[in-house]
Amino acid sequence: MVSQASRLQSVHYDIRGPVLRRTRELEAEGHRILKLNLGNPAPFGLTAPDPVVAEVVRNIRDAEGYSDARGIQSAREAVASHYAARGVAGVGADDVYLGNGVSELIVMSLQALLNPDDEVLVPSPDYPLWTGAVSLSGGRAVHYRCDEQAGWQPDLDHVADQVSPRTRALVIINPNNPTGAVYSRDTLLGLLEVARRHRLLVLADEIYDQILYDGAVHETAATLAPDLLMLTMCGLSKTHRAAGFRSGWLVISGPRDDAADYLEGLELLANMRLCPNVPAQYAIETALSGRGGSEPDGIAALLRPGGRLREQRDFAWQQVSEIPGADCVRPAGALYVFPRLDPEVHKIRDDQQFVIDLLERQHLLITHGTGFNLPTTDHFRLVFLAGVDVLGDAIGRLAEFLSGYHQ
């Protein structure tokens, strides 16, 4: 018998588990599934700007060999300049690692850091790769509460209460997936003060940093705490609608003198993968220069009133909020609504089963809240990348299903 490694027993990634397997079975039977479970822009006609794609094509012959393990120099310089322009001090090309998406860099950053039973503070709800990668690296994710009544801002007192002698790092996901919360400056300063007080490494996931609504302002965490060692992660997947390029980056900022050993471990892991995807690296300089985001291809056009993402956000939020027994904090960023189903109206004990039942009866795929390490079974995430006509159909199916659903 060939069994999986024992270390995987503690790794959970429920947003891609039994629900996805059942989806594949239904598709194999010939059913067409409407998938509103994944923040993948391209299938909904939201494609990368032409100049970004053209730059990849133009350099394809130069991308046939391995690059530097950290990534090509021009792309790393572009990332460093991008953050310098935002006010992040002391960052150069040597402080930038390119990756096969932010996902790879999350795993690398944690594998280089954690010893068995070390702890990492992770928000709840979270993007579940963070919790899974902590477990895969031998550590333990300790979840701090984000307060729905406060617009899903982290509860700073609860964050502080979760720190123990084994805590090594603090994860900040801003704008947040799945809630769409954009953290206030005071909230960020409070989180960073916890890290400062306990000498924690800060891991800032800012992949949605430019997807903002209603005048929301994203604060780059590294600009607020130049005295803290911080790894900021971002990429082209969302803002430039290039998820399949797997083009992400990690930026090291703050004091490094006491972190030389850790950073050596990070470089070792980068070397072991040889290099990130080389063709996609050539997209970065054009994307960050602004040449890859000018009108009408830029993200700003999609987000302003009348823009496609803004209209879809407004429509999805309004339609979901009108379902009896559902309420939803309006997302200020990202690509998702994260509604709550009143347990007095919708008595759902097993939200994964709820999602599977919805899938089977309505051929609609969404994601259950506990898949994001939320401790209650009363939430779900719905992606609003589809056009309003598709969203109207999907939310109509959901409302019809909920009207007669019982567990």
Protein backbone atom coordinates (compact mmCIF):
# COMPACT_ATOMS: atom_id res chain seq x y z
CA MET A 1 0.00 0.00 0.00
CA VAL A 2 1.28 3.46 -0.88
CA SER A 3 0.07 6.04 1.66
CA GLN A 4 0.40 9.78 1.84
CA ALA A 5 3.06 11.27 4.09
CA SER A 6 1.97 11.55 7.72
CA ARG A 7 2.71 15.28 7.74
CA LEU A 8 -0.19 15.78 5.32
CA GLN A 9 -2.69 14.52 7.90
CA SER A 10 -2.71 17.96 9.52
CA VAL A 11 -2.92 19.86 6.22
CA HIS A 12 -6.43 20.95 5.22
CA TYR A 13 -7.38 22.76 2.04
CA ASP A 14 -11.12 22.26 2.02
CA ILE A 15 -11.89 24.73 -0.77
CA ARG A 16 -10.39 22.23 -3.22
CA GLY A 17 -11.40 18.95 -1.52
CA PRO A 18 -14.63 16.89 -1.72
CA VAL A 19 -16.56 19.75 -3.33
CA LEU A 20 -14.17 19.94 -6.27
CA ARG A 21 -14.15 16.15 -6.65
CA ARG A 22 -17.96 16.11 -6.82
CA THR A 23 -17.83 18.92 -9.38
CA ARG A 24 -15.59 16.85 -11.62
CA GLU A 25 -17.92 13.87 -11.31
CA LEU A 26 -20.93 15.95 -12.35
CA GLU A 27 -19.01 17.41 -15.28
CA ALA A 28 -18.00 13.91 -16.36
CA GLU A 29 -21.71 13.03 -16.38
CA GLY A 30 -22.29 15.88 -18.82
CA HIS A 31 -23.59 18.60 -16.48
CA ARG A 32 -22.54 22.19 -17.00
CA ILE A 33 -21.46 23.75 -13.70
CA LEU A 34 -21.53 27.50 -13.08
CA LYS A 35 -18.33 28.06 -11.10
CA LEU A 36 -18.37 31.04 -8.79
CA ASN A 37 -15.86 29.53 -6.40
CA LEU A 38 -12.51 30.76 -7.68
CA GLY A 39 -10.97 34.21 -8.24
CA ASN A 40 -9.83 33.36 -11.76
CA PRO A 41 -10.59 36.33 -14.06
CA ALA A 42 -9.86 34.88 -17.53
CA PRO A 43 -12.82 32.44 -17.82
CA PHE A 44 -15.14 35.43 -17.35
CA GLY A 45 -13.56 37.45 -20.15
CA LEU A 46 -11.39 39.58 -17.86
CA THR A 47 -8.07 39.19 -19.63
CA ALA A 48 -4.58 40.58 -19.21
CA PRO A 49 -3.79 43.95 -20.83
CA ASP A 50 -2.45 43.63 -24.36
CA PRO A 51 0.90 45.34 -23.64
CA VAL A 52 1.63 42.84 -20.86
CA VAL A 53 0.94 39.86 -23.09
CA ALA A 54 2.89 41.43 -25.96
CA GLU A 55 5.97 41.82 -23.76
CA VAL A 56 5.90 38.12 -22.87
CA VAL A 57 5.61 37.20 -26.54
CA ARG A 58 8.37 39.61 -27.57
CA ASN A 59 10.82 38.08 -25.08
CA ILE A 60 9.87 34.45 -25.48
CA ARG A 61 13.19 33.51 -27.11
CA ASP A 62 15.08 35.06 -24.21
CA ALA A 63 12.97 32.99 -21.81
CA GLU A 64 14.05 29.53 -22.98
CA GLY A 65 16.75 29.07 -20.35
CA TYR A 66 16.81 29.29 -16.57
CA SER A 67 16.96 32.74 -15.02
CA ASP A 68 18.61 33.78 -11.78
CA ALA A 69 16.97 31.76 -8.99
CA ARG A 70 15.41 34.99 -7.67
CA GLY A 71 14.15 36.03 -11.12
CA ILE A 72 15.36 38.23 -13.97
CA GLN A 73 17.12 41.44 -12.97
CA SER A 74 14.87 43.86 -14.86
CA ALA A 75 11.71 42.48 -13.27
CA ARG A 76 13.18 42.55 -9.77
CA GLU A 77 14.34 46.12 -10.29
CA ALA A 78 10.83 47.05 -11.44
CA VAL A 79 9.30 45.54 -8.30
CA ALA A 80 11.85 47.32 -6.07
CA SER A 81 11.14 50.66 -7.78
CA HIS A 82 7.39 50.08 -7.44
CA TYR A 83 7.68 49.75 -3.66
CA ALA A 84 10.19 52.57 -3.33
CA ALA A 85 7.65 54.82 -5.04
CA ARG A 86 5.12 53.76 -2.38
CA GLY A 87 7.50 54.80 0.38
CA VAL A 88 9.08 51.47 1.32
CA ALA A 89 12.63 52.38 2.27
CA GLY A 90 15.84 50.49 1.57
CA VAL A 91 14.54 47.97 -0.97
CA GLY A 92 16.60 46.98 -4.02
CA ALA A 93 16.50 44.23 -6.60
CA ASP A 94 18.40 41.89 -4.28
CA ASP A 95 15.52 42.12 -1.80
CA VAL A 96 13.02 40.78 -4.35
CA TYR A 97 12.20 37.16 -5.12
CA LEU A 98 9.93 36.31 -8.02
CA GLY A 99 7.74 33.25 -7.72
CA ASN A 100 5.32 30.96 -9.50
CA GLY A 101 2.48 32.97 -8.07
CA VAL A 102 2.24 34.19 -4.49
CA SER A 103 1.24 30.66 -3.46
CA GLU A 104 4.75 29.30 -4.03
CA LEU A 105 6.27 32.21 -2.12
CA ILE A 106 3.94 31.66 0.83
CA VAL A 107 5.11 28.06 1.12
CA MET A 108 8.79 29.01 0.71
CA SER A 109 8.61 31.76 3.32
CA LEU A 110 7.10 29.40 5.89
CA GLN A 111 9.30 26.41 5.10
CA ALA A 112 12.35 28.58 5.65
CA LEU A 113 11.01 29.83 9.00
CA LEU A 114 9.25 27.13 10.98
CA ASN A 115 10.43 24.37 13.25
CA PRO A 116 8.01 21.71 14.55
CA ASP A 117 5.23 23.23 16.67
CA ASP A 118 6.20 26.85 15.98
CA GLU A 119 3.11 29.03 15.73
CA VAL A 120 1.95 31.59 13.17
CA LEU A 121 -0.90 34.05 13.71
CA VAL A 122 -3.33 33.79 10.79
CA PRO A 123 -6.64 35.65 10.37
CA SER A 124 -9.98 33.87 10.56
CA PRO A 125 -11.42 33.76 7.99
CA ASP A 126 -8.26 33.39 5.91
CA TYR A 127 -7.08 32.42 2.48
CA PRO A 128 -6.64 28.76 3.45
CA LEU A 129 -3.30 28.26 1.75
CA TRP A 130 -1.77 30.16 4.65
CA THR A 131 -3.10 27.71 7.23
CA GLY A 132 -2.27 24.70 5.05
CA ALA A 133 1.27 25.92 4.36
CA VAL A 134 1.91 26.51 8.07
CA SER A 135 0.89 22.91 8.78
CA LEU A 136 2.88 21.55 5.84
CA SER A 137 5.95 23.35 7.22
CA GLY A 138 5.54 21.66 10.61
CA GLY A 139 4.02 24.62 12.40
CA ARG A 140 0.63 25.38 13.89
CA ALA A 141 -1.70 28.09 12.63
CA VAL A 142 -3.27 30.06 15.47
CA HIS A 143 -6.26 32.00 14.16
CA TYR A 144 -7.09 35.50 15.25
CA ARG A 145 -10.65 36.76 14.94
CA CYS A 146 -11.82 39.23 12.33
CA ASP A 147 -14.97 40.99 13.54
CA GLU A 148 -17.89 40.92 11.12
CA GLN A 149 -19.70 43.59 13.13
CA ALA A 150 -16.72 45.90 12.56
CA GLY A 151 -16.59 45.31 8.81
CA TRP A 152 -14.35 42.26 9.23
CA GLN A 153 -11.48 44.27 10.74
CA PRO A 154 -9.14 42.16 12.91
CA ASP A 155 -9.94 42.19 16.62
CA LEU A 156 -6.67 43.61 17.96
CA ASP A 157 -7.24 42.42 21.53
CA HIS A 158 -7.85 38.90 20.28
CA VAL A 159 -4.72 39.05 18.14
CA ALA A 160 -2.63 40.01 21.14
CA ASP A 161 -4.20 37.26 23.26
CA GLN A 162 -3.13 34.58 20.76
CA VAL A 163 0.60 35.29 21.08
CA SER A 164 2.61 32.63 22.91
CA PRO A 165 6.32 31.93 23.41
CA ARG A 166 6.19 29.77 20.27
CA THR A 167 4.76 32.47 17.99
CA ARG A 168 7.13 33.27 15.14
CA ALA A 169 5.15 35.33 12.63
CA LEU A 170 2.01 37.37 11.98
CA VAL A 171 0.09 37.05 8.70
CA ILE A 172 -1.82 40.08 7.41
CA ILE A 173 -4.14 39.59 4.40
CA ASN A 174 -5.17 43.04 3.19
CA PRO A 175 -7.42 43.49 1.25
CA ASN A 176 -8.81 40.33 2.72
CA ASN A 177 -9.85 37.18 0.95
CA PRO A 178 -12.62 36.03 1.52
CA THR A 179 -14.28 39.01 3.23
CA GLY A 180 -13.24 41.89 0.97
CA ALA A 181 -12.30 43.98 4.01
CA VAL A 182 -9.73 46.73 3.53
CA TYR A 183 -7.97 47.38 6.82
CA SER A 184 -7.88 50.86 8.28
CA ARG A 185 -4.57 52.55 9.06
CA ASP A 186 -5.30 52.23 12.80
CA THR A 187 -5.97 48.52 12.43
CA LEU A 188 -2.71 47.99 10.56
CA LEU A 189 -0.76 50.02 13.09
CA GLY A 190 -2.29 47.91 15.86
CA LEU A 191 -1.34 44.66 14.13
CA LEU A 192 2.19 45.91 13.53
CA GLU A 193 2.52 46.94 17.16
CA VAL A 194 1.73 43.36 18.20
CA ALA A 195 4.50 42.18 15.87
CA ARG A 196 6.89 44.82 17.22
CA ARG A 197 6.17 44.00 20.86
CA HIS A 198 6.75 40.28 20.35
CA ARG A 199 9.49 40.47 17.69
CA LEU A 200 7.45 38.66 15.06
CA LEU A 201 8.16 38.35 11.36
CA VAL A 202 5.36 40.06 9.40
CA LEU A 203 4.02 38.28 6.30
CA ALA A 204 1.85 40.71 4.32
CA ASP A 205 -0.35 39.22 1.59
CA GLU A 206 -1.38 42.20 -0.56
CA ILE A 207 -2.39 40.50 -3.81
CA TYR A 208 -5.59 42.63 -4.05
CA ASP A 209 -3.85 45.92 -3.23
CA GLN A 210 -5.28 47.79 -6.22
CA ILE A 211 -8.76 46.23 -6.31
CA LEU A 212 -10.62 48.76 -4.18
CA TYR A 213 -14.14 50.22 -4.21
CA ASP A 214 -15.94 53.31 -2.93
CA GLY A 215 -12.76 55.29 -2.30
CA ALA A 216 -11.21 52.68 -0.03
CA VAL A 217 -7.49 53.24 0.56
CA HIS A 218 -4.98 50.43 0.80
CA GLU A 219 -2.01 51.08 3.08
CA THR A 220 1.15 49.16 2.18
CA ALA A 221 2.08 47.65 5.54
CA ALA A 222 5.82 47.95 4.94
CA THR A 223 5.55 51.74 4.74
CA LEU A 224 4.06 51.86 8.24
CA ALA A 225 6.74 49.81 9.99
CA PRO A 226 10.24 50.31 8.52
CA ASP A 227 11.65 49.00 11.80
CA LEU A 228 10.09 45.52 11.32
CA LEU A 229 11.33 42.67 9.16
CA MET A 230 8.53 42.14 6.68
CA LEU A 231 7.86 40.04 3.60
CA THR A 232 5.31 41.67 1.29
CA MET A 233 3.74 39.43 -1.35
CA CYS A 234 1.87 40.51 -4.45
CA GLY A 235 1.68 39.76 -8.18
CA LEU A 236 -0.14 40.06 -11.49
CA SER A 237 -2.86 37.43 -10.98
CA LYS A 238 -5.68 39.75 -9.94
CA THR A 239 -4.88 43.37 -10.76
CA HIS A 240 -3.57 42.47 -14.22
CA ARG A 241 -5.90 39.47 -14.71
CA ALA A 242 -2.96 37.16 -15.43
CA ALA A 243 -3.59 34.36 -12.95
CA GLY A 244 -2.30 31.66 -15.29
CA PHE A 245 1.03 33.42 -15.74
CA ARG A 246 1.83 32.52 -12.11
CA SER A 247 3.78 35.76 -11.81
CA GLY A 248 4.22 36.84 -8.19
CA TRP A 249 6.84 38.49 -6.03
CA LEU A 250 8.09 38.73 -2.48
CA VAL A 251 9.75 41.90 -1.17
CA ILE A 252 11.96 41.92 1.93
CA SER A 253 11.96 45.15 3.91
CA GLY A 254 13.08 46.33 7.33
CA PRO A 255 16.17 45.40 9.36
CA ARG A 256 17.95 42.29 8.14
CA ASP A 257 20.95 41.99 10.48
CA ASP A 258 19.24 39.57 12.84
CA ALA A 259 17.59 37.66 9.99
CA ALA A 260 20.61 36.62 7.92
CA ASP A 261 20.15 32.95 8.77
CA TYR A 262 16.46 32.99 7.82
CA LEU A 263 17.13 34.83 4.58
CA GLU A 264 19.84 32.33 3.72
CA GLY A 265 17.23 29.60 4.11
CA LEU A 266 14.86 31.49 1.83
CA GLU A 267 17.59 31.74 -0.80
CA LEU A 268 18.31 28.02 -0.46
CA LEU A 269 14.68 27.20 -1.24
CA ALA A 270 14.70 29.58 -4.19
CA ASN A 271 17.78 27.85 -5.55
CA MET A 272 16.22 24.40 -5.13
CA ARG A 273 13.38 25.28 -7.51
CA LEU A 274 16.02 26.54 -10.02
CA CYS A 275 13.95 29.60 -10.96
CA PRO A 276 10.40 30.84 -11.39
CA ASN A 277 8.55 30.61 -14.71
CA VAL A 278 10.74 32.73 -16.98
CA PRO A 279 8.33 33.89 -19.75
CA ALA A 280 5.90 35.34 -17.22
CA GLN A 281 8.68 37.33 -15.55
CA TYR A 282 8.88 39.54 -18.63
CA ALA A 283 5.34 40.76 -17.95
CA ILE A 284 6.29 42.40 -14.66
CA GLU A 285 8.24 45.45 -15.77
CA THR A 286 5.60 46.47 -18.31
CA ALA A 287 2.77 45.85 -15.84
CA LEU A 288 4.34 47.92 -13.07
CA SER A 289 5.50 50.72 -15.35
CA GLY A 290 1.90 51.62 -16.14
CA ARG A 291 2.28 50.72 -19.78
CA GLY A 292 0.36 47.54 -19.02
CA GLY A 293 -2.47 49.25 -17.19
CA SER A 294 -3.43 52.26 -19.26
CA GLU A 295 -7.02 52.91 -20.32
CA PRO A 296 -9.08 51.00 -21.29
CA ASP A 297 -7.12 47.97 -20.07
CA GLY A 298 -6.26 49.27 -16.60
CA ILE A 299 -7.79 48.05 -13.40
CA ALA A 300 -8.99 51.57 -12.51
CA ALA A 301 -11.46 51.53 -15.41
CA LEU A 302 -13.02 48.36 -14.06
CA LEU A 303 -13.40 49.73 -10.54
CA ARG A 304 -14.87 53.18 -10.99
CA PRO A 305 -18.67 53.71 -11.11
CA GLY A 306 -19.89 52.14 -14.34
CA GLY A 307 -16.86 49.87 -14.51
CA ARG A 308 -17.46 46.18 -14.83
CA LEU A 309 -16.06 44.99 -11.49
CA ARG A 310 -17.74 47.83 -9.60
CA GLU A 311 -21.11 47.06 -11.18
CA GLN A 312 -20.76 43.34 -10.51
CA ARG A 313 -19.73 43.96 -6.90
CA ASP A 314 -22.75 46.22 -6.34
CA PHE A 315 -25.14 43.81 -8.03
CA ALA A 316 -23.90 40.68 -6.25
CA TRP A 317 -23.93 42.36 -2.84
CA GLN A 318 -27.43 43.75 -3.32
CA GLN A 319 -28.92 40.52 -4.69
CA VAL A 320 -27.40 38.32 -1.99
CA SER A 321 -28.51 40.74 0.73
CA GLU A 322 -32.10 40.43 -0.50
CA ILE A 323 -32.22 36.67 0.09
CA PRO A 324 -34.40 36.08 3.18
CA GLY A 325 -32.19 35.26 6.13
CA ALA A 326 -28.98 36.47 4.48
CA ASP A 327 -26.91 39.55 5.22
CA CYS A 328 -23.56 40.64 3.90
CA VAL A 329 -20.91 43.23 4.70
CA ARG A 330 -20.31 45.15 1.49
CA PRO A 331 -16.77 44.32 0.35
CA ALA A 332 -14.43 47.31 0.02
CA GLY A 333 -11.88 45.34 -1.97
CA ALA A 334 -11.07 42.07 -3.76
CA LEU A 335 -13.47 39.92 -5.82
CA TYR A 336 -15.85 38.23 -3.38
CA VAL A 337 -18.95 38.59 -1.26
CA PHE A 338 -18.95 36.64 2.00
CA PRO A 339 -22.57 36.51 3.22
CA ARG A 340 -23.89 35.22 6.52
CA LEU A 341 -26.94 32.97 6.67
CA ASP A 342 -28.97 33.56 9.82
CA PRO A 343 -28.87 30.24 11.77
CA GLU A 344 -32.42 30.87 12.96
CA VAL A 345 -33.61 30.89 9.35
CA HIS A 346 -31.13 28.53 7.65
CA LYS A 347 -30.18 25.77 10.05
CA ILE A 348 -26.99 24.56 8.39
CA ARG A 349 -24.93 22.24 10.55
CA ASP A 350 -22.49 21.16 7.81
CA ASP A 351 -21.70 23.96 5.37
CA GLN A 352 -19.58 21.77 3.12
CA GLN A 353 -22.59 19.48 2.66
CA PHE A 354 -24.71 22.57 2.00
CA VAL A 355 -22.35 23.54 -0.85
CA ILE A 356 -22.38 20.00 -2.26
CA ASP A 357 -26.18 19.85 -2.10
CA LEU A 358 -26.41 23.21 -3.91
CA LEU A 359 -23.98 21.93 -6.52
CA GLU A 360 -25.97 18.77 -7.16
CA ARG A 361 -29.40 20.42 -7.31
CA GLN A 362 -28.60 23.75 -8.98
CA HIS A 363 -25.27 23.03 -10.69
CA LEU A 364 -23.83 26.11 -8.99
CA LEU A 365 -20.43 26.01 -7.30
CA ILE A 366 -19.62 28.35 -4.40
CA THR A 367 -17.33 27.90 -1.38
CA HIS A 368 -18.29 27.10 2.21
CA GLY A 369 -17.15 29.41 5.00
CA THR A 370 -15.41 26.79 7.11
CA GLY A 371 -13.12 26.22 4.12
CA PHE A 372 -11.59 29.58 5.09
CA ASN A 373 -10.99 28.44 8.67
CA LEU A 374 -14.05 30.17 10.02
CA PRO A 375 -15.29 28.33 13.14
CA THR A 376 -19.00 28.64 12.31
CA THR A 377 -21.06 27.07 9.50
CA ASP A 378 -23.12 30.14 8.59
CA HIS A 379 -21.09 31.78 5.78
CA PHE A 380 -20.19 31.16 2.16
CA ARG A 381 -18.08 32.91 -0.47
CA LEU A 382 -19.33 33.82 -3.93
CA VAL A 383 -17.05 35.26 -6.63
CA PHE A 384 -18.49 38.21 -8.57
CA LEU A 385 -16.26 38.00 -11.66
CA ALA A 386 -19.17 36.91 -13.87
CA GLY A 387 -21.34 39.45 -15.68
CA VAL A 388 -24.50 40.71 -13.98
CA ASP A 389 -26.74 38.49 -16.12
CA VAL A 390 -24.85 35.40 -14.98
CA LEU A 391 -24.74 36.62 -11.40
CA GLY A 392 -28.48 37.23 -11.47
CA ASP A 393 -29.10 33.69 -12.65
CA ALA A 394 -26.71 32.24 -10.07
CA ILE A 395 -28.07 34.15 -7.10
CA GLY A 396 -31.59 33.32 -8.24
CA ARG A 397 -30.68 29.63 -8.16
CA LEU A 398 -29.16 30.08 -4.72
CA ALA A 399 -32.25 31.84 -3.37
CA GLU A 400 -34.53 29.15 -4.79
CA PHE A 401 -32.39 26.43 -3.24
CA LEU A 402 -32.27 28.08 0.19
CA SER A 403 -36.04 28.61 0.26
CA GLY A 404 -36.63 24.89 0.67
CA TYR A 405 -33.33 23.59 2.01
CA HIS A 406 -33.09 21.69 5.29
CA GLN A 407 -30.34 19.62 6.88
